[in-house]
Amino acid sequence: MADSVSPVRSVVIDLDGVMWVGDDCIAGAGEAVNRLAAAGCNVVFVTNMSRLTVVTQQERLARCGVRPPTEVVTSAVAAASLLAPGDRVMVCGGEGIAEAAESAGAVVACYASDGPSAHDGGGAPAERAVDAVVVGMDPRFDYAACGRAMRAVRAGARLIGTNHDPTYPTPGGLEAGGGAILAAVAAAAEVEPVLAGKPNDATVSCVRERLGSGPGMVIGDRPDSDGLLAEALGFDFALVLTGVTSHDDLPVSPTPALVAEDLAGVVDAVLGETAG
């Protein structure tokens, strides 16, 4: 832990592994957020989970006791910021990507997990007619979906990944994340994807639009996404041990300004520092 934490006015909070694990809210997390808001901090939730819509994430926050208003930036929203109005998109993911793409003025042409494979004799006209393939978490992803997405990219579509996270935490342990699916499509297409989620430029821009500049903190459970986002924003990084990272993984890079058992512990430290 660093000797001190800079005064905090803007706070970016991750969701999976910080506010909840699976469907279970982490004890004290909702009240900790409310304490930050009551202290005058501007709070934005930023998640690399692209499958769920913004409204669904806001509803989950409400169930955890977070009082509105709640500003949520998903990696799907960040990915959609890279699309142009009228772009035809193949979605390799869930409703969150489709909603974000349509909100940006793009057209969802098809889903990678739907329809016949070119090798099933059904042809694949949609694979040749999209401007971008946006890949995120997709529980229906399989070999056929990988093929459809790969062929669309080889036909000229841009490959946009909502995030690079290989795993995400669940009550039963780690599960494969959207980054694992993206890696499969990118390997098959033999291209480097454009990444949108934490800690990449698209997400940095989305956060800046909402928080502006000034002292701040990113609170998360992944140094490779939350920690690097903090560096990109010029914010402090607070690491919680309720998600992917555990005591056994310490030390980590980038080095956190603060390590706590959970979000409530971070808020205790932050409000103690700012009050002093």
Protein backbone atom coordinates (compact mmCIF):
# COMPACT_ATOMS: atom_id res chain seq x y z
CA MET A 1 0.00 0.00 0.00
CA ALA A 2 1.23 3.48 -0.79
CA ASP A 3 1.87 5.93 2.05
CA SER A 4 -1.06 8.13 1.10
CA VAL A 5 -3.99 8.44 -1.26
CA SER A 6 -4.61 11.64 -3.21
CA PRO A 7 -7.79 13.58 -2.37
CA VAL A 8 -10.59 11.95 -4.32
CA ARG A 9 -13.43 13.75 -6.10
CA SER A 10 -14.10 11.36 -8.99
CA VAL A 11 -14.46 7.62 -8.45
CA VAL A 12 -14.65 4.87 -11.08
CA ILE A 13 -15.97 1.58 -9.69
CA ASP A 14 -15.87 -1.82 -11.38
CA LEU A 15 -18.90 -4.12 -11.06
CA ASP A 16 -18.05 -7.84 -11.31
CA GLY A 17 -15.86 -8.75 -8.36
CA VAL A 18 -16.39 -5.38 -6.65
CA MET A 19 -20.16 -4.85 -6.38
CA TRP A 20 -21.18 -8.48 -6.89
CA VAL A 21 -19.96 -11.96 -7.73
CA GLY A 22 -22.40 -13.75 -10.01
CA ASP A 23 -25.88 -12.82 -8.81
CA ASP A 24 -24.78 -12.19 -5.23
CA CYS A 25 -24.18 -8.64 -4.00
CA ILE A 26 -20.99 -8.23 -1.97
CA ALA A 27 -21.84 -7.29 1.60
CA GLY A 28 -21.52 -3.58 2.31
CA ALA A 29 -20.77 -2.58 -1.29
CA GLY A 30 -24.00 -0.69 -1.91
CA GLU A 31 -23.76 1.32 1.28
CA ALA A 32 -20.11 2.08 0.54
CA VAL A 33 -21.13 3.66 -2.79
CA ASN A 34 -23.81 5.71 -1.05
CA ARG A 35 -21.22 6.97 1.43
CA LEU A 36 -19.01 8.17 -1.42
CA ALA A 37 -21.92 10.01 -3.03
CA ALA A 38 -22.90 11.57 0.28
CA ALA A 39 -19.32 12.80 0.68
CA GLY A 40 -19.61 14.68 -2.63
CA CYS A 41 -17.73 12.23 -4.88
CA ASN A 42 -18.78 11.83 -8.49
CA VAL A 43 -19.21 8.09 -9.07
CA VAL A 44 -19.27 6.29 -12.40
CA PHE A 45 -19.47 2.51 -12.71
CA VAL A 46 -17.33 1.09 -15.51
CA THR A 47 -17.52 -2.58 -16.44
CA ASN A 48 -15.99 -4.80 -19.08
CA MET A 49 -19.12 -6.95 -19.02
CA SER A 50 -20.75 -6.33 -22.40
CA ARG A 51 -23.52 -8.93 -22.39
CA LEU A 52 -25.92 -7.02 -20.12
CA THR A 53 -27.59 -3.73 -20.99
CA VAL A 54 -26.95 -0.53 -19.06
CA VAL A 55 -30.46 -0.64 -17.57
CA THR A 56 -29.94 -4.22 -16.39
CA GLN A 57 -26.72 -3.20 -14.66
CA GLN A 58 -28.48 -0.24 -13.04
CA GLU A 59 -31.24 -2.53 -11.78
CA ARG A 60 -28.66 -4.85 -10.25
CA LEU A 61 -27.02 -1.90 -8.52
CA ALA A 62 -30.39 -0.90 -7.08
CA ARG A 63 -30.82 -4.43 -5.72
CA CYS A 64 -27.45 -4.04 -4.01
CA GLY A 65 -28.77 -0.91 -2.29
CA VAL A 66 -27.11 1.76 -4.43
CA ARG A 67 -29.28 4.86 -4.53
CA PRO A 68 -29.82 6.54 -7.91
CA PRO A 69 -28.73 8.18 -10.05
CA THR A 70 -26.25 5.58 -11.27
CA GLU A 71 -24.06 6.21 -14.30
CA VAL A 72 -22.86 2.99 -15.94
CA VAL A 73 -20.37 2.67 -18.79
CA THR A 74 -20.13 -0.83 -20.22
CA SER A 75 -17.50 -2.10 -22.63
CA ALA A 76 -20.34 -2.44 -25.14
CA VAL A 77 -20.98 1.32 -24.87
CA ALA A 78 -17.26 1.94 -25.40
CA ALA A 79 -17.22 -0.40 -28.41
CA ALA A 80 -20.24 1.34 -29.91
CA SER A 81 -18.38 4.65 -29.75
CA LEU A 82 -16.04 3.20 -32.39
CA LEU A 83 -18.90 2.59 -34.83
CA ALA A 84 -20.22 5.06 -37.40
CA PRO A 85 -23.93 5.73 -37.94
CA GLY A 86 -25.24 3.27 -40.51
CA ASP A 87 -22.51 0.67 -39.95
CA ARG A 88 -23.81 -2.87 -40.33
CA VAL A 89 -22.68 -4.96 -37.39
CA MET A 90 -22.37 -8.65 -36.64
CA VAL A 91 -22.79 -9.15 -32.90
CA CYS A 92 -20.84 -11.92 -31.24
CA GLY A 93 -22.27 -11.34 -27.80
CA GLY A 94 -25.42 -10.36 -25.97
CA GLU A 95 -28.15 -7.76 -25.83
CA GLY A 96 -25.83 -5.18 -24.30
CA ILE A 97 -23.79 -4.96 -27.51
CA ALA A 98 -26.87 -4.79 -29.73
CA GLU A 99 -28.44 -2.03 -27.65
CA ALA A 100 -25.25 0.03 -27.58
CA ALA A 101 -24.66 -0.37 -31.32
CA GLU A 102 -28.19 0.71 -32.17
CA SER A 103 -27.95 3.66 -29.79
CA ALA A 104 -24.88 4.77 -31.74
CA GLY A 105 -26.85 4.66 -34.99
CA ALA A 106 -25.42 1.38 -36.26
CA VAL A 107 -27.53 -1.48 -37.61
CA VAL A 108 -27.38 -4.97 -36.11
CA ALA A 109 -27.28 -7.11 -39.23
CA CYS A 110 -26.93 -10.51 -37.55
CA TYR A 111 -25.63 -12.47 -34.58
CA ALA A 112 -22.66 -14.78 -34.94
CA SER A 113 -24.46 -17.40 -32.84
CA ASP A 114 -27.50 -17.48 -35.16
CA GLY A 115 -28.03 -18.87 -38.63
CA PRO A 116 -26.47 -21.57 -40.79
CA SER A 117 -22.76 -22.01 -41.23
CA ALA A 118 -21.27 -21.61 -44.68
CA HIS A 119 -20.19 -25.24 -44.29
CA ASP A 120 -23.77 -26.38 -43.63
CA GLY A 121 -24.77 -25.56 -47.19
CA GLY A 122 -26.81 -22.55 -46.06
CA GLY A 123 -24.43 -19.92 -47.33
CA ALA A 124 -23.38 -16.86 -45.37
CA PRO A 125 -24.42 -13.65 -47.15
CA ALA A 126 -24.47 -11.64 -43.90
CA GLU A 127 -20.84 -12.54 -43.30
CA ARG A 128 -19.88 -10.62 -46.45
CA ALA A 129 -22.10 -7.62 -45.80
CA VAL A 130 -21.07 -6.26 -42.40
CA ASP A 131 -18.77 -3.38 -41.60
CA ALA A 132 -17.77 -4.57 -38.15
CA VAL A 133 -17.83 -7.65 -35.96
CA VAL A 134 -18.19 -6.73 -32.29
CA VAL A 135 -17.14 -9.51 -29.92
CA GLY A 136 -17.90 -9.80 -26.22
CA MET A 137 -19.22 -12.29 -23.70
CA ASP A 138 -21.43 -14.82 -25.51
CA PRO A 139 -22.65 -17.93 -23.65
CA ARG A 140 -23.88 -19.35 -26.99
CA PHE A 141 -20.47 -19.06 -28.67
CA ASP A 142 -19.37 -22.24 -30.43
CA TYR A 143 -17.29 -23.46 -33.37
CA ALA A 144 -19.89 -22.37 -35.91
CA ALA A 145 -20.15 -18.88 -34.41
CA CYS A 146 -16.37 -18.55 -34.49
CA GLY A 147 -16.43 -19.47 -38.17
CA ARG A 148 -19.10 -16.93 -39.05
CA ALA A 149 -17.31 -14.14 -37.21
CA MET A 150 -13.94 -15.12 -38.69
CA ARG A 151 -15.27 -15.16 -42.25
CA ALA A 152 -16.87 -11.73 -41.84
CA VAL A 153 -13.54 -10.29 -40.70
CA ARG A 154 -11.66 -11.99 -43.53
CA ALA A 155 -14.22 -10.44 -45.91
CA GLY A 156 -13.22 -6.98 -44.71
CA ALA A 157 -15.16 -6.24 -41.54
CA ARG A 158 -13.36 -4.56 -38.63
CA LEU A 159 -12.92 -6.73 -35.57
CA ILE A 160 -13.81 -4.82 -32.39
CA GLY A 161 -13.41 -6.47 -29.02
CA THR A 162 -15.40 -5.17 -26.08
CA ASN A 163 -12.64 -6.30 -23.71
CA HIS A 164 -9.58 -8.48 -23.29
CA ASP A 165 -10.49 -10.06 -19.93
CA PRO A 166 -9.83 -13.82 -20.22
CA THR A 167 -11.94 -14.64 -17.15
CA TYR A 168 -14.58 -13.24 -14.81
CA PRO A 169 -15.46 -14.25 -11.24
CA THR A 170 -18.50 -16.35 -10.28
CA PRO A 171 -19.53 -17.94 -6.97
CA GLY A 172 -18.22 -21.25 -8.32
CA GLY A 173 -14.88 -19.84 -9.41
CA LEU A 174 -13.54 -18.25 -12.58
CA GLU A 175 -15.30 -18.67 -15.92
CA ALA A 176 -14.04 -17.88 -19.43
CA GLY A 177 -14.58 -14.23 -20.29
CA GLY A 178 -15.17 -12.22 -23.42
CA GLY A 179 -11.44 -11.91 -24.03
CA ALA A 180 -11.21 -15.67 -24.50
CA ILE A 181 -13.89 -15.56 -27.20
CA LEU A 182 -12.21 -12.59 -28.86
CA ALA A 183 -8.88 -14.43 -28.89
CA ALA A 184 -10.46 -17.33 -30.77
CA VAL A 185 -12.00 -15.10 -33.46
CA ALA A 186 -8.84 -13.01 -33.83
CA ALA A 187 -6.67 -16.12 -34.17
CA ALA A 188 -8.96 -17.60 -36.81
CA ALA A 189 -9.17 -14.32 -38.74
CA GLU A 190 -5.43 -13.66 -38.29
CA VAL A 191 -5.94 -10.01 -37.36
CA GLU A 192 -5.34 -7.82 -34.34
CA PRO A 193 -8.66 -6.59 -32.89
CA VAL A 194 -9.40 -3.05 -31.83
CA LEU A 195 -10.08 -3.16 -28.08
CA ALA A 196 -12.70 -0.89 -26.52
CA GLY A 197 -13.09 -1.77 -22.84
CA LYS A 198 -10.84 -1.03 -19.87
CA PRO A 199 -8.11 0.15 -20.08
CA ASN A 200 -8.34 1.23 -23.73
CA ASP A 201 -8.83 4.67 -25.26
CA ALA A 202 -12.55 4.26 -26.02
CA THR A 203 -13.34 3.66 -22.36
CA VAL A 204 -10.97 6.41 -21.23
CA SER A 205 -12.85 8.84 -23.48
CA CYS A 206 -16.24 7.67 -22.16
CA VAL A 207 -15.08 8.21 -18.57
CA ARG A 208 -13.57 11.62 -19.34
CA GLU A 209 -16.86 12.73 -20.90
CA ARG A 210 -18.63 11.96 -17.63
CA LEU A 211 -16.04 12.96 -15.03
CA GLY A 212 -13.75 15.46 -16.71
CA SER A 213 -10.26 15.85 -15.24
CA GLY A 214 -8.99 16.18 -11.71
CA PRO A 215 -8.03 13.86 -8.87
CA GLY A 216 -9.74 10.53 -8.85
CA MET A 217 -9.58 6.83 -8.11
CA VAL A 218 -10.38 3.62 -9.95
CA ILE A 219 -11.57 0.80 -7.69
CA GLY A 220 -11.42 -2.68 -9.13
CA ASP A 221 -10.26 -6.27 -8.81
CA ARG A 222 -8.06 -6.54 -11.93
CA PRO A 223 -4.69 -4.76 -12.21
CA ASP A 224 -4.57 -5.47 -15.97
CA SER A 225 -7.81 -3.60 -16.62
CA ASP A 226 -8.74 -1.45 -13.61
CA GLY A 227 -5.14 -0.66 -12.66
CA LEU A 228 -4.16 0.28 -16.20
CA LEU A 229 -7.33 2.35 -16.59
CA ALA A 230 -6.30 4.29 -13.49
CA GLU A 231 -2.90 4.95 -15.07
CA ALA A 232 -4.51 6.12 -18.32
CA LEU A 233 -6.79 8.51 -16.43
CA GLY A 234 -4.07 9.73 -14.07
CA PHE A 235 -6.09 8.39 -11.12
CA ASP A 236 -5.06 6.36 -8.09
CA PHE A 237 -5.78 2.62 -8.21
CA ALA A 238 -7.48 0.85 -5.33
CA LEU A 239 -7.43 -2.95 -5.49
CA VAL A 240 -10.11 -5.04 -3.80
CA LEU A 241 -9.69 -8.75 -3.08
CA THR A 242 -13.30 -9.82 -3.60
CA GLY A 243 -12.91 -10.75 -7.26
CA VAL A 244 -10.21 -12.12 -9.55
CA THR A 245 -7.19 -10.99 -7.49
CA SER A 246 -6.46 -12.63 -4.13
CA HIS A 247 -3.86 -12.25 -1.38
CA ASP A 248 -1.83 -14.98 -3.09
CA ASP A 249 -1.47 -12.81 -6.22
CA LEU A 250 0.19 -9.90 -4.40
CA PRO A 251 2.24 -7.93 -5.26
CA VAL A 252 0.71 -6.87 -8.55
CA SER A 253 1.53 -4.39 -11.29
CA PRO A 254 0.63 -1.59 -11.57
CA THR A 255 1.14 -1.08 -7.86
CA PRO A 256 -2.11 -0.04 -6.15
CA ALA A 257 -2.23 3.08 -4.00
CA LEU A 258 -4.50 1.09 -1.74
CA VAL A 259 -5.31 -2.61 -1.18
CA ALA A 260 -8.42 -3.55 0.78
CA GLU A 261 -10.46 -6.65 1.47
CA ASP A 262 -13.54 -5.11 -0.17
CA LEU A 263 -15.12 -1.89 -1.42
CA ALA A 264 -16.22 -0.90 2.06
CA GLY A 265 -12.59 -1.06 3.19
CA VAL A 266 -11.51 1.21 0.33
CA VAL A 267 -14.20 3.75 1.18
CA ASP A 268 -13.21 3.69 4.86
CA ALA A 269 -9.65 4.59 3.84
CA VAL A 270 -10.62 7.15 1.20
CA LEU A 271 -13.05 9.06 3.38
CA GLY A 272 -10.57 8.96 6.23
CA GLU A 273 -7.89 10.46 3.97
CA THR A 274 -10.15 13.13 2.47
CA ALA A 275 -11.53 14.06 5.87
CA GLY A 276 -8.06 14.58 7.19
